[in-house]
C-alpha cells in the first residue's frame, strides 16, 4: 500500500466517524474506541514519527486494533462491536496529524 492510498483511507475513516456525530451513543462509542487505538499508537509508534513510519505501523495493524476494540467494548455489548477497520482508519488519520512531515 502506498502512503497516498493509506492517507486517503485514514481521512475517509475520520470523515465516517465525524458523520456519526448526530448518532449520540454510536458516535461516543466510536470516539472512545478511536481514542483507545490512538493511545496504543502512541505506545507503538512514539511521539516523534513520519507519515512513512505510521504507514509501516498500519501494515498488519488489524490484529492488534481488533484486540484493543474487543478489550474496550464491555462483554455484554460484544455483539455490537463496530467495524474495526473504521476505528483503525480514523485513529491512524487522527494520529497522522502529529507526524513531523504532515501536510493537510
PDB file of N, CA and C in Angstrom:
ATOM      1  N   UNK A   1       0.835  -1.175   0.000  1.00  0.00           N
ATOM      2  CA  UNK A   1       0.000   0.000   0.000  1.00  0.00           C
ATOM      3  C   UNK A   1       0.885   1.246   0.000  1.00  0.00           C
ATOM      4  N   UNK A   2       0.520   2.206  -0.811  1.00  0.00           N
ATOM      5  CA  UNK A   2       1.295   3.443  -0.864  1.00  0.00           C
ATOM      6  C   UNK A   2       0.852   4.378   0.254  1.00  0.00           C
ATOM      7  N   UNK A   3       1.708   5.300   0.575  1.00  0.00           N
ATOM      8  CA  UNK A   3       1.388   6.287   1.596  1.00  0.00           C
ATOM      9  C   UNK A   3       0.162   7.102   1.193  1.00  0.00           C
ATOM     10  N   UNK A   4       0.079   7.464  -0.079  1.00  0.00           N
ATOM     11  CA  UNK A   4      -1.069   8.254  -0.538  1.00  0.00           C
ATOM     12  C   UNK A   4      -2.381   7.504  -0.350  1.00  0.00           C
ATOM     13  N   UNK A   5      -2.406   6.218  -0.687  1.00  0.00           N
ATOM     14  CA  UNK A   5      -3.656   5.469  -0.525  1.00  0.00           C
ATOM     15  C   UNK A   5      -3.971   5.250   0.956  1.00  0.00           C
ATOM     16  N   UNK A   6      -2.960   5.056   1.779  1.00  0.00           N
ATOM     17  CA  UNK A   6      -3.187   4.922   3.220  1.00  0.00           C
ATOM     18  C   UNK A   6      -3.787   6.204   3.773  1.00  0.00           C
ATOM     19  N   UNK A   7      -3.234   7.333   3.372  1.00  0.00           N
ATOM     20  CA  UNK A   7      -3.761   8.612   3.865  1.00  0.00           C
ATOM     21  C   UNK A   7      -5.207   8.823   3.432  1.00  0.00           C
ATOM     22  N   UNK A   8      -5.540   8.411   2.223  1.00  0.00           N
ATOM     23  CA  UNK A   8      -6.934   8.514   1.773  1.00  0.00           C
ATOM     24  C   UNK A   8      -7.843   7.675   2.661  1.00  0.00           C
ATOM     25  N   UNK A   9      -7.433   6.468   2.979  1.00  0.00           N
ATOM     26  CA  UNK A   9      -8.223   5.603   3.851  1.00  0.00           C
ATOM     27  C   UNK A   9      -8.368   6.218   5.235  1.00  0.00           C
ATOM     28  N   UNK A  10      -7.285   6.762   5.767  1.00  0.00           N
ATOM     29  CA  UNK A  10      -7.327   7.364   7.096  1.00  0.00           C
ATOM     30  C   UNK A  10      -8.278   8.551   7.130  1.00  0.00           C
ATOM     31  N   UNK A  11      -8.200   9.398   6.129  1.00  0.00           N
ATOM     32  CA  UNK A  11      -9.076  10.574   6.079  1.00  0.00           C
ATOM     33  C   UNK A  11     -10.542  10.160   5.914  1.00  0.00           C
ATOM     34  N   UNK A  12     -10.782   9.121   5.121  1.00  0.00           N
ATOM     35  CA  UNK A  12     -12.146   8.613   4.957  1.00  0.00           C
ATOM     36  C   UNK A  12     -12.674   8.070   6.287  1.00  0.00           C
ATOM     37  N   UNK A  13     -11.828   7.399   7.046  1.00  0.00           N
ATOM     38  CA  UNK A  13     -12.225   6.921   8.371  1.00  0.00           C
ATOM     39  C   UNK A  13     -12.620   8.070   9.282  1.00  0.00           C
ATOM     40  N   UNK A  14     -11.832   9.131   9.269  1.00  0.00           N
ATOM     41  CA  UNK A  14     -12.175  10.309  10.073  1.00  0.00           C
ATOM     42  C   UNK A  14     -13.512  10.909   9.635  1.00  0.00           C
ATOM     43  N   UNK A  15     -13.722  11.010   8.333  1.00  0.00           N
ATOM     44  CA  UNK A  15     -14.987  11.563   7.824  1.00  0.00           C
ATOM     45  C   UNK A  15     -16.177  10.704   8.245  1.00  0.00           C
ATOM     46  N   UNK A  16     -16.003   9.392   8.161  1.00  0.00           N
ATOM     47  CA  UNK A  16     -17.103   8.491   8.521  1.00  0.00           C
ATOM     48  C   UNK A  16     -17.429   8.555  10.009  1.00  0.00           C
ATOM     49  N   UNK A  17     -16.422   8.661  10.855  1.00  0.00           N
ATOM     50  CA  UNK A  17     -16.689   8.806  12.285  1.00  0.00           C
ATOM     51  C   UNK A  17     -17.355  10.152  12.550  1.00  0.00           C
ATOM     52  N   UNK A  18     -16.860  11.211  11.933  1.00  0.00           N
ATOM     53  CA  UNK A  18     -17.476  12.534  12.100  1.00  0.00           C
ATOM     54  C   UNK A  18     -18.931  12.528  11.649  1.00  0.00           C
ATOM     55  N   UNK A  19     -19.235  11.739  10.628  1.00  0.00           N
ATOM     56  CA  UNK A  19     -20.603  11.682  10.103  1.00  0.00           C
ATOM     57  C   UNK A  19     -21.585  11.066  11.098  1.00  0.00           C
ATOM     58  N   UNK A  20     -21.082  10.397  12.126  1.00  0.00           N
ATOM     59  CA  UNK A  20     -21.965   9.804  13.133  1.00  0.00           C
ATOM     60  C   UNK A  20     -22.238  10.766  14.289  1.00  0.00           C
ATOM     61  N   UNK A  21     -21.804  12.005  14.171  1.00  0.00           N
ATOM     62  CA  UNK A  21     -21.895  12.943  15.301  1.00  0.00           C
ATOM     63  C   UNK A  21     -23.315  13.150  15.819  1.00  0.00           C
ATOM     64  N   UNK A  22     -24.307  12.917  15.005  1.00  0.00           N
ATOM     65  CA  UNK A  22     -25.701  13.071  15.453  1.00  0.00           C
ATOM     66  C   UNK A  22     -26.304  11.754  15.938  1.00  0.00           C
ATOM     67  N   UNK A  23     -25.472  10.725  16.007  1.00  0.00           N
ATOM     68  CA  UNK A  23     -25.976   9.417  16.416  1.00  0.00           C
ATOM     69  C   UNK A  23     -25.673   9.107  17.879  1.00  0.00           C
ATOM     70  N   UNK A  24     -25.433  10.132  18.663  1.00  0.00           N
ATOM     71  CA  UNK A  24     -25.282  10.006  20.108  1.00  0.00           C
ATOM     72  C   UNK A  24     -24.402   8.868  20.583  1.00  0.00           C
ATOM     73  N   UNK A  25     -25.039   7.790  21.009  1.00  0.00           N
ATOM     74  CA  UNK A  25     -24.337   6.662  21.620  1.00  0.00           C
ATOM     75  C   UNK A  25     -23.326   6.036  20.658  1.00  0.00           C
ATOM     76  N   UNK A  26     -23.714   5.849  19.406  1.00  0.00           N
ATOM     77  CA  UNK A  26     -22.787   5.249  18.432  1.00  0.00           C
ATOM     78  C   UNK A  26     -21.559   6.128  18.248  1.00  0.00           C
ATOM     79  N   UNK A  27     -21.776   7.425  18.116  1.00  0.00           N
ATOM     80  CA  UNK A  27     -20.643   8.339  17.936  1.00  0.00           C
ATOM     81  C   UNK A  27     -19.724   8.292  19.158  1.00  0.00           C
ATOM     82  N   UNK A  28     -20.300   8.286  20.339  1.00  0.00           N
ATOM     83  CA  UNK A  28     -19.485   8.256  21.549  1.00  0.00           C
ATOM     84  C   UNK A  28     -18.683   6.965  21.633  1.00  0.00           C
ATOM     85  N   UNK A  29     -19.309   5.844  21.267  1.00  0.00           N
ATOM     86  CA  UNK A  29     -18.598   4.569  21.281  1.00  0.00           C
ATOM     87  C   UNK A  29     -17.431   4.593  20.287  1.00  0.00           C
ATOM     88  N   UNK A  30     -17.691   5.080  19.081  1.00  0.00           N
ATOM     89  CA  UNK A  30     -16.621   5.170  18.080  1.00  0.00           C
ATOM     90  C   UNK A  30     -15.510   6.093  18.550  1.00  0.00           C
ATOM     91  N   UNK A  31     -15.874   7.246  19.102  1.00  0.00           N
ATOM     92  CA  UNK A  31     -14.868   8.200  19.585  1.00  0.00           C
ATOM     93  C   UNK A  31     -14.004   7.576  20.678  1.00  0.00           C
ATOM     94  N   UNK A  32     -14.627   6.829  21.584  1.00  0.00           N
ATOM     95  CA  UNK A  32     -13.876   6.174  22.655  1.00  0.00           C
ATOM     96  C   UNK A  32     -12.920   5.122  22.100  1.00  0.00           C
ATOM     97  N   UNK A  33     -13.377   4.372  21.106  1.00  0.00           N
ATOM     98  CA  UNK A  33     -12.523   3.340  20.509  1.00  0.00           C
ATOM     99  C   UNK A  33     -11.382   3.956  19.713  1.00  0.00           C
ATOM    100  N   UNK A  34     -11.662   5.033  18.984  1.00  0.00           N
ATOM    101  CA  UNK A  34     -10.595   5.737  18.255  1.00  0.00           C
ATOM    102  C   UNK A  34      -9.546   6.238  19.251  1.00  0.00           C
ATOM    103  N   UNK A  35      -9.998   6.756  20.372  1.00  0.00           N
ATOM    104  CA  UNK A  35      -9.072   7.248  21.398  1.00  0.00           C
ATOM    105  C   UNK A  35      -8.207   6.108  21.950  1.00  0.00           C
ATOM    106  N   UNK A  36      -8.802   4.943  22.176  1.00  0.00           N
ATOM    107  CA  UNK A  36      -8.044   3.794  22.687  1.00  0.00           C
ATOM    108  C   UNK A  36      -6.987   3.340  21.683  1.00  0.00           C
ATOM    109  N   UNK A  37      -7.339   3.306  20.406  1.00  0.00           N
ATOM    110  CA  UNK A  37      -6.369   2.919  19.376  1.00  0.00           C
ATOM    111  C   UNK A  37      -5.304   4.011  19.240  1.00  0.00           C
ATOM    112  N   UNK A  38      -5.708   5.266  19.333  1.00  0.00           N
ATOM    113  CA  UNK A  38      -4.770   6.390  19.308  1.00  0.00           C
ATOM    114  C   UNK A  38      -3.727   6.233  20.417  1.00  0.00           C
ATOM    115  N   UNK A  39      -4.185   5.894  21.617  1.00  0.00           N
ATOM    116  CA  UNK A  39      -3.262   5.696  22.739  1.00  0.00           C
ATOM    117  C   UNK A  39      -2.290   4.550  22.469  1.00  0.00           C
ATOM    118  N   UNK A  40      -2.801   3.484  21.856  1.00  0.00           N
ATOM    119  CA  UNK A  40      -1.930   2.352  21.524  1.00  0.00           C
ATOM    120  C   UNK A  40      -0.911   2.745  20.453  1.00  0.00           C
ATOM    121  N   UNK A  41      -1.328   3.576  19.513  1.00  0.00           N
ATOM    122  CA  UNK A  41      -0.392   4.076  18.501  1.00  0.00           C
ATOM    123  C   UNK A  41       0.732   4.873  19.150  1.00  0.00           C
ATOM    124  N   UNK A  42       0.392   5.659  20.139  1.00  0.00           N
ATOM    125  CA  UNK A  42       1.414   6.442  20.839  1.00  0.00           C
ATOM    126  C   UNK A  42       2.459   5.508  21.451  1.00  0.00           C
ATOM    127  N   UNK A  43       2.002   4.390  21.997  1.00  0.00           N
ATOM    128  CA  UNK A  43       2.939   3.420  22.587  1.00  0.00           C
ATOM    129  C   UNK A  43       3.760   2.701  21.515  1.00  0.00           C
ATOM    130  N   UNK A  44       3.118   2.370  20.409  1.00  0.00           N
ATOM    131  CA  UNK A  44       3.777   1.578  19.373  1.00  0.00           C
ATOM    132  C   UNK A  44       4.669   2.411  18.449  1.00  0.00           C
ATOM    133  N   UNK A  45       4.229   3.610  18.105  1.00  0.00           N
ATOM    134  CA  UNK A  45       4.944   4.428  17.125  1.00  0.00           C
ATOM    135  C   UNK A  45       5.794   5.498  17.804  1.00  0.00           C
ATOM    136  N   UNK A  46       5.347   5.979  18.939  1.00  0.00           N
ATOM    137  CA  UNK A  46       6.052   7.038  19.640  1.00  0.00           C
ATOM    138  C   UNK A  46       5.500   8.399  19.268  1.00  0.00           C
ATOM    139  N   UNK A  47       6.041   9.416  19.887  1.00  0.00           N
ATOM    140  CA  UNK A  47       5.525  10.763  19.666  1.00  0.00           C
ATOM    141  C   UNK A  47       6.216  11.494  18.521  1.00  0.00           C
ATOM    142  N   UNK A  48       7.393  11.057  18.131  1.00  0.00           N
ATOM    143  CA  UNK A  48       8.097  11.664  17.001  1.00  0.00           C
ATOM    144  C   UNK A  48       8.159  10.621  15.890  1.00  0.00           C
ATOM    145  N   UNK A  49       7.474  10.913  14.781  1.00  0.00           N
ATOM    146  CA  UNK A  49       7.364   9.941  13.696  1.00  0.00           C
ATOM    147  C   UNK A  49       7.047  10.669  12.395  1.00  0.00           C
ATOM    148  N   UNK A  50       7.268   9.973  11.306  1.00  0.00           N
ATOM    149  CA  UNK A  50       6.907  10.487   9.984  1.00  0.00           C
ATOM    150  C   UNK A  50       5.668   9.739   9.499  1.00  0.00           C
ATOM    151  N   UNK A  51       5.085  10.235   8.439  1.00  0.00           N
ATOM    152  CA  UNK A  51       3.943   9.533   7.842  1.00  0.00           C
ATOM    153  C   UNK A  51       4.351   8.153   7.347  1.00  0.00           C
ATOM    154  N   UNK A  52       5.575   8.021   6.840  1.00  0.00           N
ATOM    155  CA  UNK A  52       6.062   6.709   6.397  1.00  0.00           C
ATOM    156  C   UNK A  52       6.159   5.746   7.579  1.00  0.00           C
ATOM    157  N   UNK A  53       6.600   6.233   8.737  1.00  0.00           N
ATOM    158  CA  UNK A  53       6.637   5.387   9.935  1.00  0.00           C
ATOM    159  C   UNK A  53       5.232   4.908  10.285  1.00  0.00           C
ATOM    160  N   UNK A  54       4.278   5.806  10.192  1.00  0.00           N
ATOM    161  CA  UNK A  54       2.894   5.463  10.516  1.00  0.00           C
ATOM    162  C   UNK A  54       2.328   4.474   9.502  1.00  0.00           C
ATOM    163  N   UNK A  55       2.653   4.665   8.238  1.00  0.00           N
ATOM    164  CA  UNK A  55       2.200   3.731   7.208  1.00  0.00           C
ATOM    165  C   UNK A  55       2.791   2.342   7.446  1.00  0.00           C
ATOM    166  N   UNK A  56       4.026   2.271   7.904  1.00  0.00           N
ATOM    167  CA  UNK A  56       4.625   0.980   8.236  1.00  0.00           C
ATOM    168  C   UNK A  56       3.858   0.309   9.379  1.00  0.00           C
ATOM    169  N   UNK A  57       3.457   1.095  10.369  1.00  0.00           N
ATOM    170  CA  UNK A  57       2.698   0.555  11.503  1.00  0.00           C
ATOM    171  C   UNK A  57       1.298   0.114  11.080  1.00  0.00           C
ATOM    172  N   UNK A  58       0.776   0.733  10.031  1.00  0.00           N
ATOM    173  CA  UNK A  58      -0.566   0.411   9.535  1.00  0.00           C
ATOM    174  C   UNK A  58      -0.624  -0.993   8.952  1.00  0.00           C
ATOM    175  N   UNK A  59       0.457  -1.399   8.316  1.00  0.00           N
ATOM    176  CA  UNK A  59       0.521  -2.737   7.722  1.00  0.00           C
ATOM    177  C   UNK A  59       0.513  -3.766   8.856  1.00  0.00           C
ATOM    178  N   UNK A  60      -0.486  -4.606   8.871  1.00  0.00           N
ATOM    179  CA  UNK A  60      -0.591  -5.636   9.903  1.00  0.00           C
ATOM    180  C   UNK A  60      -1.205  -5.171  11.206  1.00  0.00           C
ATOM    181  N   UNK A  61      -1.755  -3.966  11.237  1.00  0.00           N
ATOM    182  CA  UNK A  61      -2.321  -3.430  12.478  1.00  0.00           C
ATOM    183  C   UNK A  61      -3.692  -4.019  12.806  1.00  0.00           C
ATOM    184  N   UNK A  62      -4.312  -4.696  11.857  1.00  0.00           N
ATOM    185  CA  UNK A  62      -5.673  -5.188  12.068  1.00  0.00           C
ATOM    186  C   UNK A  62      -5.790  -6.036  13.327  1.00  0.00           C
ATOM    187  N   UNK A  63      -4.826  -6.905  13.560  1.00  0.00           N
ATOM    188  CA  UNK A  63      -4.909  -7.808  14.711  1.00  0.00           C
ATOM    189  C   UNK A  63      -4.872  -7.065  16.036  1.00  0.00           C
ATOM    190  N   UNK A  64      -3.887  -6.184  16.206  1.00  0.00           N
ATOM    191  CA  UNK A  64      -3.812  -5.508  17.491  1.00  0.00           C
ATOM    192  C   UNK A  64      -4.931  -4.486  17.654  1.00  0.00           C
ATOM    193  N   UNK A  65      -5.400  -3.891  16.554  1.00  0.00           N
ATOM    194  CA  UNK A  65      -6.536  -2.962  16.657  1.00  0.00           C
ATOM    195  C   UNK A  65      -7.775  -3.733  17.104  1.00  0.00           C
ATOM    196  N   UNK A  66      -8.004  -4.899  16.522  1.00  0.00           N
ATOM    197  CA  UNK A  66      -9.144  -5.732  16.931  1.00  0.00           C
ATOM    198  C   UNK A  66      -9.047  -6.060  18.418  1.00  0.00           C
ATOM    199  N   UNK A  67      -7.848  -6.385  18.890  1.00  0.00           N
ATOM    200  CA  UNK A  67      -7.655  -6.683  20.313  1.00  0.00           C
ATOM    201  C   UNK A  67      -8.008  -5.481  21.183  1.00  0.00           C
ATOM    202  N   UNK A  68      -7.594  -4.294  20.764  1.00  0.00           N
ATOM    203  CA  UNK A  68      -7.912  -3.075  21.518  1.00  0.00           C
ATOM    204  C   UNK A  68      -9.423  -2.858  21.540  1.00  0.00           C
ATOM    205  N   UNK A  69     -10.071  -2.995  20.406  1.00  0.00           N
ATOM    206  CA  UNK A  69     -11.519  -2.770  20.329  1.00  0.00           C
ATOM    207  C   UNK A  69     -12.262  -3.766  21.216  1.00  0.00           C
ATOM    208  N   UNK A  70     -11.916  -5.030  21.118  1.00  0.00           N
ATOM    209  CA  UNK A  70     -12.593  -6.053  21.928  1.00  0.00           C
ATOM    210  C   UNK A  70     -12.353  -5.798  23.418  1.00  0.00           C
ATOM    211  N   UNK A  71     -11.158  -5.378  23.772  1.00  0.00           N
ATOM    212  CA  UNK A  71     -10.842  -5.077  25.174  1.00  0.00           C
ATOM    213  C   UNK A  71     -11.676  -3.903  25.695  1.00  0.00           C
ATOM    214  N   UNK A  72     -11.932  -2.920  24.832  1.00  0.00           N
ATOM    215  CA  UNK A  72     -12.634  -1.706  25.254  1.00  0.00           C
ATOM    216  C   UNK A  72     -14.159  -1.838  25.275  1.00  0.00           C
ATOM    217  N   UNK A  73     -14.701  -2.782  24.516  1.00  0.00           N
ATOM    218  CA  UNK A  73     -16.153  -2.940  24.450  1.00  0.00           C
ATOM    219  C   UNK A  73     -16.582  -3.881  25.573  1.00  0.00           C
ATOM    220  N   UNK A  74     -17.547  -3.470  26.410  1.00  0.00           N
ATOM    221  CA  UNK A  74     -17.991  -4.339  27.502  1.00  0.00           C
ATOM    222  C   UNK A  74     -18.495  -5.685  26.970  1.00  0.00           C
ATOM    223  N   UNK A  75     -18.266  -6.768  27.716  1.00  0.00           N
ATOM    224  CA  UNK A  75     -18.672  -8.098  27.239  1.00  0.00           C
ATOM    225  C   UNK A  75     -20.131  -8.190  26.820  1.00  0.00           C
ATOM    226  N   UNK A  76     -21.015  -7.517  27.521  1.00  0.00           N
ATOM    227  CA  UNK A  76     -22.436  -7.600  27.172  1.00  0.00           C
ATOM    228  C   UNK A  76     -22.750  -6.922  25.838  1.00  0.00           C
ATOM    229  N   UNK A  77     -21.826  -6.102  25.343  1.00  0.00           N
ATOM    230  CA  UNK A  77     -22.050  -5.378  24.085  1.00  0.00           C
ATOM    231  C   UNK A  77     -21.206  -5.930  22.938  1.00  0.00           C
ATOM    232  N   UNK A  78     -20.558  -7.066  23.144  1.00  0.00           N
ATOM    233  CA  UNK A  78     -19.657  -7.613  22.131  1.00  0.00           C
ATOM    234  C   UNK A  78     -20.344  -7.849  20.785  1.00  0.00           C
ATOM    235  N   UNK A  79     -21.632  -8.168  20.808  1.00  0.00           N
ATOM    236  CA  UNK A  79     -22.342  -8.412  19.544  1.00  0.00           C
ATOM    237  C   UNK A  79     -22.413  -7.143  18.709  1.00  0.00           C
ATOM    238  N   UNK A  80     -22.332  -5.994  19.345  1.00  0.00           N
ATOM    239  CA  UNK A  80     -22.427  -4.729  18.635  1.00  0.00           C
ATOM    240  C   UNK A  80     -21.090  -4.052  18.393  1.00  0.00           C
ATOM    241  N   UNK A  81     -20.017  -4.842  18.365  1.00  0.00           N
ATOM    242  CA  UNK A  81     -18.683  -4.267  18.143  1.00  0.00           C
ATOM    243  C   UNK A  81     -18.664  -3.581  16.781  1.00  0.00           C
ATOM    244  N   UNK A  82     -18.274  -2.315  16.765  1.00  0.00           N
ATOM    245  CA  UNK A  82     -18.248  -1.589  15.495  1.00  0.00           C
ATOM    246  C   UNK A  82     -17.173  -2.116  14.549  1.00  0.00           C
ATOM    247  N   UNK A  83     -17.267  -1.671  13.340  1.00  0.00           N
ATOM    248  CA  UNK A  83     -16.313  -2.019  12.293  1.00  0.00           C
ATOM    249  C   UNK A  83     -14.912  -1.594  12.732  1.00  0.00           C
ATOM    250  N   UNK A  84     -14.050  -2.569  12.983  1.00  0.00           N
ATOM    251  CA  UNK A  84     -12.709  -2.238  13.465  1.00  0.00           C
ATOM    252  C   UNK A  84     -11.880  -1.516  12.407  1.00  0.00           C
ATOM    253  N   UNK A  85     -12.179  -1.748  11.131  1.00  0.00           N
ATOM    254  CA  UNK A  85     -11.448  -1.039  10.077  1.00  0.00           C
ATOM    255  C   UNK A  85     -11.745   0.451  10.147  1.00  0.00           C
ATOM    256  N   UNK A  86     -12.990   0.804  10.414  1.00  0.00           N
ATOM    257  CA  UNK A  86     -13.365   2.210  10.559  1.00  0.00           C
ATOM    258  C   UNK A  86     -12.615   2.839  11.726  1.00  0.00           C
ATOM    259  N   UNK A  87     -12.610   2.164  12.850  1.00  0.00           N
ATOM    260  CA  UNK A  87     -11.911   2.673  14.038  1.00  0.00           C
ATOM    261  C   UNK A  87     -10.420   2.810  13.746  1.00  0.00           C
ATOM    262  N   UNK A  88      -9.851   1.796  13.113  1.00  0.00           N
ATOM    263  CA  UNK A  88      -8.428   1.821  12.786  1.00  0.00           C
ATOM    264  C   UNK A  88      -8.100   3.002  11.877  1.00  0.00           C
ATOM    265  N   UNK A  89      -8.856   3.164  10.805  1.00  0.00           N
ATOM    266  CA  UNK A  89      -8.554   4.238   9.862  1.00  0.00           C
ATOM    267  C   UNK A  89      -8.701   5.611  10.511  1.00  0.00           C
ATOM    268  N   UNK A  90      -9.741   5.789  11.303  1.00  0.00           N
ATOM    269  CA  UNK A  90      -9.936   7.088  11.962  1.00  0.00           C
ATOM    270  C   UNK A  90      -8.814   7.382  12.954  1.00  0.00           C
ATOM    271  N   UNK A  91      -8.401   6.374  13.707  1.00  0.00           N
ATOM    272  CA  UNK A  91      -7.324   6.583  14.682  1.00  0.00           C
ATOM    273  C   UNK A  91      -6.011   6.917  13.976  1.00  0.00           C
ATOM    274  N   UNK A  92      -5.703   6.188  12.906  1.00  0.00           N
ATOM    275  CA  UNK A  92      -4.483   6.485  12.156  1.00  0.00           C
ATOM    276  C   UNK A  92      -4.573   7.879  11.529  1.00  0.00           C
ATOM    277  N   UNK A  93      -5.748   8.249  11.035  1.00  0.00           N
ATOM    278  CA  UNK A  93      -5.927   9.582  10.456  1.00  0.00           C
ATOM    279  C   UNK A  93      -5.694  10.681  11.470  1.00  0.00           C
ATOM    280  N   UNK A  94      -6.222  10.475  12.641  1.00  0.00           N
ATOM    281  CA  UNK A  94      -6.022  11.466  13.700  1.00  0.00           C
ATOM    282  C   UNK A  94      -4.565  11.511  14.134  1.00  0.00           C
ATOM    283  N   UNK A  95      -3.950  10.344  14.271  1.00  0.00           N
ATOM    284  CA  UNK A  95      -2.557  10.292  14.703  1.00  0.00           C
ATOM    285  C   UNK A  95      -1.621  10.880  13.654  1.00  0.00           C
ATOM    286  N   UNK A  96      -1.972  10.714  12.387  1.00  0.00           N
ATOM    287  CA  UNK A  96      -1.133  11.228  11.292  1.00  0.00           C
ATOM    288  C   UNK A  96      -0.904  12.725  11.402  1.00  0.00           C
ATOM    289  N   UNK A  97      -1.843  13.422  11.979  1.00  0.00           N
ATOM    290  CA  UNK A  97      -1.727  14.881  12.092  1.00  0.00           C
ATOM    291  C   UNK A  97      -0.578  15.314  12.978  1.00  0.00           C
ATOM    292  N   UNK A  98      -0.024  14.380  13.741  1.00  0.00           N
ATOM    293  CA  UNK A  98       1.128  14.685  14.593  1.00  0.00           C
ATOM    294  C   UNK A  98       2.460  14.320  13.963  1.00  0.00           C
ATOM    295  N   UNK A  99       2.444  13.821  12.734  1.00  0.00           N
ATOM    296  CA  UNK A  99       3.690  13.436  12.058  1.00  0.00           C
ATOM    297  C   UNK A  99       4.541  14.656  11.768  1.00  0.00           C
ATOM    298  N   UNK A 100       5.836  14.477  11.820  1.00  0.00           N
ATOM    299  CA  UNK A 100       6.749  15.599  11.580  1.00  0.00           C
ATOM    300  C   UNK A 100       6.624  16.140  10.165  1.00  0.00           C
ATOM    301  N   UNK A 101       6.190  15.288   9.230  1.00  0.00           N
ATOM    302  CA  UNK A 101       6.055  15.738   7.845  1.00  0.00           C
ATOM    303  C   UNK A 101       4.601  15.863   7.389  1.00  0.00           C
ATOM    304  N   UNK A 102       3.680  15.974   8.347  1.00  0.00           N
ATOM    305  CA  UNK A 102       2.256  16.073   7.998  1.00  0.00           C
ATOM    306  C   UNK A 102       1.961  17.403   7.296  1.00  0.00           C
ATOM    307  N   UNK A 103       1.228  17.304   6.212  1.00  0.00           N
ATOM    308  CA  UNK A 103       0.699  18.454   5.491  1.00  0.00           C
ATOM    309  C   UNK A 103      -0.735  18.121   5.126  1.00  0.00           C
ATOM    310  N   UNK A 104      -1.690  18.991   5.436  1.00  0.00           N
ATOM    311  CA  UNK A 104      -3.104  18.701   5.105  1.00  0.00           C
ATOM    312  C   UNK A 104      -3.322  18.574   3.604  1.00  0.00           C
TER     313      UNK A 104
END
